[in-house]
């Protein structure tokens, strides 16, 4: 079955960095685009970043452009989110997402807390 397992979250000070990982299984990873979303307390879940199947095309929410970078390793079936210059407003649970045959698949998420 499809599994998405996020890791790498934690507590970081403003201006700090984290790298999130999402290990995928149960489907042909290299044939699917991948996305990261986040859900902050009291807010709607929002799109963060997109990456194409080969990793040669990316897209970002305006709020994270220039600070967050999505990448993937198709040999490892893993998608990453490098997070730099973190701000308190980046505090959220981060989820990776894949769409397959008209269905949405989400991981359980990893919590990122940006606080001094």
N, C-alpha and C. Protein backbone atom coordinates (compact mmCIF):
# COMPACT_ATOMS: atom_id res chain seq x y z
N UNK A 1 0.83 -1.18 0.00
CA UNK A 1 0.00 0.00 0.00
C UNK A 1 0.88 1.25 0.00
N UNK A 2 0.29 2.36 -0.39
CA UNK A 2 1.02 3.62 -0.44
C UNK A 2 1.35 4.09 0.97
N UNK A 3 2.61 4.42 1.16
CA UNK A 3 3.04 4.99 2.44
C UNK A 3 3.92 6.19 2.20
N UNK A 4 3.69 7.23 2.96
CA UNK A 4 4.52 8.43 2.97
C UNK A 4 4.89 8.69 4.42
N UNK A 5 6.18 8.72 4.70
CA UNK A 5 6.64 8.89 6.09
C UNK A 5 7.57 10.08 6.17
N UNK A 6 7.09 11.13 6.82
CA UNK A 6 7.89 12.34 6.99
C UNK A 6 8.76 12.25 8.23
N UNK A 7 9.89 12.95 8.18
CA UNK A 7 10.79 13.03 9.34
C UNK A 7 11.60 14.32 9.23
N UNK A 8 12.29 14.64 10.32
CA UNK A 8 13.20 15.78 10.31
C UNK A 8 12.69 17.03 10.99
N UNK A 9 11.45 17.02 11.46
CA UNK A 9 10.93 18.19 12.15
C UNK A 9 11.56 18.36 13.52
N UNK A 10 11.26 19.49 14.14
CA UNK A 10 11.79 19.75 15.47
C UNK A 10 11.65 21.21 15.84
N UNK A 11 12.32 21.57 16.93
CA UNK A 11 12.31 22.95 17.42
C UNK A 11 13.57 23.65 16.92
N UNK A 12 13.39 24.82 16.33
CA UNK A 12 14.52 25.57 15.81
C UNK A 12 14.30 27.05 16.10
N UNK A 13 15.38 27.77 16.28
CA UNK A 13 15.27 29.21 16.54
C UNK A 13 15.02 29.97 15.23
N UNK A 14 14.41 31.15 15.33
CA UNK A 14 14.25 31.97 14.11
C UNK A 14 15.59 32.19 13.41
N UNK A 15 15.57 32.06 12.10
CA UNK A 15 16.79 32.17 11.31
C UNK A 15 17.50 30.86 11.10
N UNK A 16 17.05 29.82 11.79
CA UNK A 16 17.68 28.52 11.69
C UNK A 16 17.23 27.72 10.48
N UNK A 17 17.75 26.48 10.41
CA UNK A 17 17.49 25.61 9.27
C UNK A 17 17.07 24.22 9.74
N UNK A 18 16.30 23.57 8.90
CA UNK A 18 15.94 22.17 9.07
C UNK A 18 15.83 21.54 7.69
N UNK A 19 16.02 20.22 7.62
CA UNK A 19 15.74 19.51 6.39
C UNK A 19 14.74 18.40 6.68
N UNK A 20 13.61 18.49 6.02
CA UNK A 20 12.59 17.46 6.15
C UNK A 20 12.77 16.42 5.06
N UNK A 21 12.42 15.19 5.38
CA UNK A 21 12.44 14.09 4.42
C UNK A 21 11.08 13.42 4.38
N UNK A 22 10.76 12.86 3.23
CA UNK A 22 9.53 12.07 3.09
C UNK A 22 9.90 10.82 2.31
N UNK A 23 9.87 9.68 3.00
CA UNK A 23 10.17 8.40 2.37
C UNK A 23 8.88 7.79 1.83
N UNK A 24 8.89 7.46 0.54
CA UNK A 24 7.69 6.97 -0.13
C UNK A 24 7.84 5.49 -0.49
N UNK A 25 6.72 4.79 -0.47
CA UNK A 25 6.70 3.39 -0.88
C UNK A 25 5.30 3.03 -1.36
N UNK A 26 5.22 1.91 -2.09
CA UNK A 26 3.92 1.42 -2.53
C UNK A 26 3.50 1.93 -3.90
N UNK A 27 4.34 2.71 -4.55
CA UNK A 27 4.04 3.19 -5.90
C UNK A 27 5.37 3.50 -6.59
N UNK A 28 5.29 3.74 -7.89
CA UNK A 28 6.49 4.04 -8.66
C UNK A 28 6.84 5.51 -8.46
N UNK A 29 7.71 5.76 -7.52
CA UNK A 29 8.01 7.11 -7.06
C UNK A 29 8.44 8.02 -8.21
N UNK A 30 9.30 7.52 -9.08
CA UNK A 30 9.88 8.36 -10.12
C UNK A 30 8.86 8.79 -11.17
N UNK A 31 7.67 8.21 -11.15
CA UNK A 31 6.66 8.56 -12.14
C UNK A 31 5.61 9.54 -11.62
N UNK A 32 5.82 10.05 -10.40
CA UNK A 32 4.82 10.93 -9.79
C UNK A 32 5.43 12.24 -9.32
N UNK A 33 4.68 13.33 -9.56
CA UNK A 33 5.05 14.60 -8.96
C UNK A 33 4.76 14.52 -7.46
N UNK A 34 5.46 15.31 -6.69
CA UNK A 34 5.30 15.31 -5.24
C UNK A 34 5.11 16.74 -4.74
N UNK A 35 4.45 16.84 -3.61
CA UNK A 35 4.20 18.16 -3.02
C UNK A 35 4.41 18.11 -1.51
N UNK A 36 4.74 19.27 -0.96
CA UNK A 36 4.73 19.48 0.48
C UNK A 36 3.61 20.49 0.79
N UNK A 37 2.90 20.22 1.88
CA UNK A 37 1.91 21.13 2.41
C UNK A 37 2.22 21.35 3.89
N UNK A 38 1.56 22.35 4.46
CA UNK A 38 1.69 22.54 5.91
C UNK A 38 0.37 23.00 6.50
N UNK A 39 0.22 22.72 7.79
CA UNK A 39 -0.99 23.08 8.50
C UNK A 39 -0.59 23.71 9.82
N UNK A 40 -0.82 25.01 9.90
CA UNK A 40 -0.48 25.75 11.12
C UNK A 40 -1.71 25.84 12.03
N UNK A 41 -1.49 25.95 13.32
CA UNK A 41 -2.62 26.05 14.26
C UNK A 41 -3.56 27.20 13.90
N UNK A 42 -4.84 26.91 13.82
CA UNK A 42 -5.83 27.94 13.55
C UNK A 42 -5.92 28.40 12.11
N UNK A 43 -5.18 27.71 11.23
CA UNK A 43 -5.20 28.11 9.81
C UNK A 43 -5.59 26.92 8.94
N UNK A 44 -5.92 27.23 7.68
CA UNK A 44 -6.17 26.18 6.70
C UNK A 44 -4.85 25.53 6.28
N UNK A 45 -4.93 24.28 5.87
CA UNK A 45 -3.75 23.64 5.29
C UNK A 45 -3.38 24.39 4.01
N UNK A 46 -2.08 24.60 3.79
CA UNK A 46 -1.66 25.37 2.62
C UNK A 46 -0.55 24.65 1.86
N UNK A 47 -0.55 24.88 0.56
CA UNK A 47 0.50 24.37 -0.32
C UNK A 47 1.82 25.05 0.00
N UNK A 48 2.89 24.29 -0.03
CA UNK A 48 4.23 24.83 0.22
C UNK A 48 5.11 24.73 -1.03
N UNK A 49 5.21 23.51 -1.59
CA UNK A 49 6.15 23.33 -2.69
C UNK A 49 5.77 22.12 -3.53
N UNK A 50 6.17 22.17 -4.79
CA UNK A 50 5.91 21.12 -5.78
C UNK A 50 7.21 20.77 -6.49
N UNK A 51 7.34 19.49 -6.86
CA UNK A 51 8.47 19.09 -7.68
C UNK A 51 8.00 18.10 -8.73
N UNK A 52 8.56 18.24 -9.93
CA UNK A 52 8.20 17.37 -11.04
C UNK A 52 8.80 15.97 -10.85
N UNK A 53 8.42 15.06 -11.76
CA UNK A 53 8.85 13.66 -11.63
C UNK A 53 10.37 13.53 -11.65
N UNK A 54 11.01 14.26 -12.53
CA UNK A 54 12.47 14.16 -12.66
C UNK A 54 13.20 15.14 -11.75
N UNK A 55 12.44 16.02 -11.11
CA UNK A 55 13.05 17.01 -10.24
C UNK A 55 13.57 18.23 -10.96
N UNK A 56 13.22 18.40 -12.22
CA UNK A 56 13.75 19.51 -13.00
C UNK A 56 12.84 20.72 -13.02
N UNK A 57 11.71 20.62 -12.35
CA UNK A 57 10.79 21.74 -12.27
C UNK A 57 10.22 21.82 -10.86
N UNK A 58 10.23 23.02 -10.29
CA UNK A 58 9.71 23.22 -8.94
C UNK A 58 8.81 24.45 -8.90
N UNK A 59 8.00 24.52 -7.87
CA UNK A 59 7.12 25.67 -7.68
C UNK A 59 6.91 25.84 -6.18
N UNK A 60 6.76 27.09 -5.75
CA UNK A 60 6.68 27.37 -4.31
C UNK A 60 5.57 28.37 -4.00
N UNK A 61 5.06 28.27 -2.79
CA UNK A 61 4.20 29.32 -2.28
C UNK A 61 5.02 30.60 -2.14
N UNK A 62 4.36 31.73 -2.36
CA UNK A 62 5.07 33.02 -2.28
C UNK A 62 5.73 33.21 -0.93
N UNK A 63 5.09 32.73 0.10
CA UNK A 63 5.56 32.96 1.46
C UNK A 63 6.87 32.24 1.78
N UNK A 64 7.26 31.26 0.95
CA UNK A 64 8.46 30.49 1.25
C UNK A 64 9.53 30.62 0.18
N UNK A 65 9.22 31.31 -0.91
CA UNK A 65 10.18 31.44 -2.01
C UNK A 65 11.49 32.05 -1.52
N UNK A 66 12.58 31.44 -1.95
CA UNK A 66 13.90 31.93 -1.58
C UNK A 66 14.41 31.41 -0.25
N UNK A 67 13.54 30.74 0.53
CA UNK A 67 13.95 30.21 1.83
C UNK A 67 13.83 28.69 1.90
N UNK A 68 12.84 28.13 1.23
CA UNK A 68 12.63 26.68 1.25
C UNK A 68 12.94 26.11 -0.14
N UNK A 69 13.53 24.93 -0.16
CA UNK A 69 13.90 24.29 -1.42
C UNK A 69 13.45 22.84 -1.40
N UNK A 70 12.66 22.46 -2.40
CA UNK A 70 12.23 21.07 -2.54
C UNK A 70 13.17 20.35 -3.48
N UNK A 71 13.45 19.09 -3.17
CA UNK A 71 14.29 18.27 -4.04
C UNK A 71 13.86 16.82 -3.87
N UNK A 72 14.38 15.95 -4.72
CA UNK A 72 14.03 14.54 -4.63
C UNK A 72 15.19 13.68 -5.07
N UNK A 73 15.21 12.45 -4.54
CA UNK A 73 16.17 11.44 -4.94
C UNK A 73 15.36 10.22 -5.36
N UNK A 74 15.21 10.04 -6.65
CA UNK A 74 14.38 8.94 -7.14
C UNK A 74 15.00 7.57 -6.86
N UNK A 75 16.30 7.52 -6.68
CA UNK A 75 16.95 6.25 -6.32
C UNK A 75 16.61 5.84 -4.90
N UNK A 76 16.30 6.82 -4.05
CA UNK A 76 15.98 6.55 -2.65
C UNK A 76 14.49 6.69 -2.35
N UNK A 77 13.70 6.98 -3.39
CA UNK A 77 12.25 7.16 -3.19
C UNK A 77 11.96 8.18 -2.09
N UNK A 78 12.67 9.29 -2.12
CA UNK A 78 12.56 10.27 -1.05
C UNK A 78 12.48 11.68 -1.62
N UNK A 79 11.61 12.48 -1.03
CA UNK A 79 11.53 13.89 -1.36
C UNK A 79 11.93 14.69 -0.12
N UNK A 80 12.60 15.80 -0.35
CA UNK A 80 13.15 16.60 0.75
C UNK A 80 12.58 18.02 0.71
N UNK A 81 12.66 18.67 1.87
CA UNK A 81 12.35 20.09 1.94
C UNK A 81 13.42 20.74 2.81
N UNK A 82 14.35 21.44 2.18
CA UNK A 82 15.37 22.19 2.90
C UNK A 82 14.78 23.53 3.30
N UNK A 83 14.83 23.81 4.60
CA UNK A 83 14.18 25.00 5.14
C UNK A 83 15.25 25.88 5.78
N UNK A 84 15.46 27.04 5.20
CA UNK A 84 16.44 28.00 5.71
C UNK A 84 15.76 29.29 6.13
N UNK A 85 16.47 30.09 6.91
CA UNK A 85 15.94 31.39 7.35
C UNK A 85 14.53 31.26 7.90
N UNK A 86 14.36 30.28 8.78
CA UNK A 86 13.01 29.99 9.27
C UNK A 86 12.47 31.13 10.13
N UNK A 87 11.15 31.30 10.04
CA UNK A 87 10.44 32.35 10.76
C UNK A 87 9.40 31.71 11.68
N UNK A 88 9.00 32.40 12.73
CA UNK A 88 7.94 31.84 13.59
C UNK A 88 6.68 31.45 12.82
N UNK A 89 6.38 32.18 11.76
CA UNK A 89 5.17 31.86 10.98
C UNK A 89 5.31 30.59 10.13
N UNK A 90 6.49 30.02 10.12
CA UNK A 90 6.67 28.72 9.46
C UNK A 90 6.28 27.55 10.38
N UNK A 91 5.98 27.86 11.63
CA UNK A 91 5.57 26.81 12.57
C UNK A 91 4.31 26.12 12.06
N UNK A 92 4.38 24.80 11.90
CA UNK A 92 3.27 24.03 11.34
C UNK A 92 3.64 22.55 11.34
N UNK A 93 2.64 21.72 11.08
CA UNK A 93 2.89 20.33 10.74
C UNK A 93 3.05 20.27 9.22
N UNK A 94 4.15 19.67 8.79
CA UNK A 94 4.46 19.58 7.37
C UNK A 94 4.15 18.18 6.86
N UNK A 95 3.43 18.13 5.73
CA UNK A 95 3.00 16.87 5.15
C UNK A 95 3.50 16.74 3.72
N UNK A 96 3.88 15.53 3.33
CA UNK A 96 4.08 15.32 1.90
C UNK A 96 2.84 14.66 1.32
N UNK A 97 2.68 14.86 0.03
CA UNK A 97 1.45 14.48 -0.67
C UNK A 97 1.78 13.92 -2.05
N UNK A 98 0.98 12.90 -2.40
CA UNK A 98 1.01 12.39 -3.77
C UNK A 98 -0.41 12.07 -4.20
N UNK A 99 -0.71 12.33 -5.46
CA UNK A 99 -2.01 11.97 -6.02
C UNK A 99 -1.84 10.76 -6.92
N UNK A 100 -2.66 9.74 -6.70
CA UNK A 100 -2.56 8.51 -7.47
C UNK A 100 -3.94 8.05 -7.86
N UNK A 101 -4.16 7.88 -9.17
CA UNK A 101 -5.43 7.33 -9.68
C UNK A 101 -6.63 8.05 -9.07
N UNK A 102 -6.53 9.35 -9.01
CA UNK A 102 -7.63 10.15 -8.50
C UNK A 102 -7.79 10.19 -7.00
N UNK A 103 -6.86 9.58 -6.30
CA UNK A 103 -6.93 9.59 -4.83
C UNK A 103 -5.76 10.38 -4.25
N UNK A 104 -6.01 10.97 -3.09
CA UNK A 104 -5.01 11.76 -2.38
C UNK A 104 -4.38 10.93 -1.28
N UNK A 105 -3.05 10.99 -1.22
CA UNK A 105 -2.33 10.27 -0.18
C UNK A 105 -1.46 11.26 0.58
N UNK A 106 -1.56 11.17 1.90
CA UNK A 106 -0.81 12.06 2.80
C UNK A 106 -0.03 11.25 3.81
N UNK A 107 1.12 11.78 4.21
CA UNK A 107 1.80 11.20 5.35
C UNK A 107 1.15 11.68 6.64
N UNK A 108 1.72 11.26 7.77
CA UNK A 108 1.18 11.68 9.06
C UNK A 108 1.73 13.03 9.50
N UNK A 109 2.75 13.51 8.81
CA UNK A 109 3.28 14.83 9.08
C UNK A 109 4.42 14.85 10.08
N UNK A 110 5.17 15.95 10.04
CA UNK A 110 6.24 16.17 10.99
C UNK A 110 6.14 17.62 11.46
N UNK A 111 6.25 17.82 12.78
CA UNK A 111 6.03 19.14 13.37
C UNK A 111 7.30 19.97 13.34
N UNK A 112 7.17 21.17 12.81
CA UNK A 112 8.25 22.16 12.82
C UNK A 112 7.81 23.32 13.71
N UNK A 113 8.61 23.62 14.71
CA UNK A 113 8.32 24.73 15.61
C UNK A 113 9.48 25.71 15.56
N UNK A 114 9.17 26.94 15.18
CA UNK A 114 10.20 27.99 15.09
C UNK A 114 9.95 28.98 16.22
N UNK A 115 10.83 28.96 17.20
CA UNK A 115 10.62 29.79 18.38
C UNK A 115 11.95 30.01 19.10
N UNK A 116 12.06 31.18 19.72
CA UNK A 116 13.24 31.45 20.52
C UNK A 116 12.98 31.10 21.98
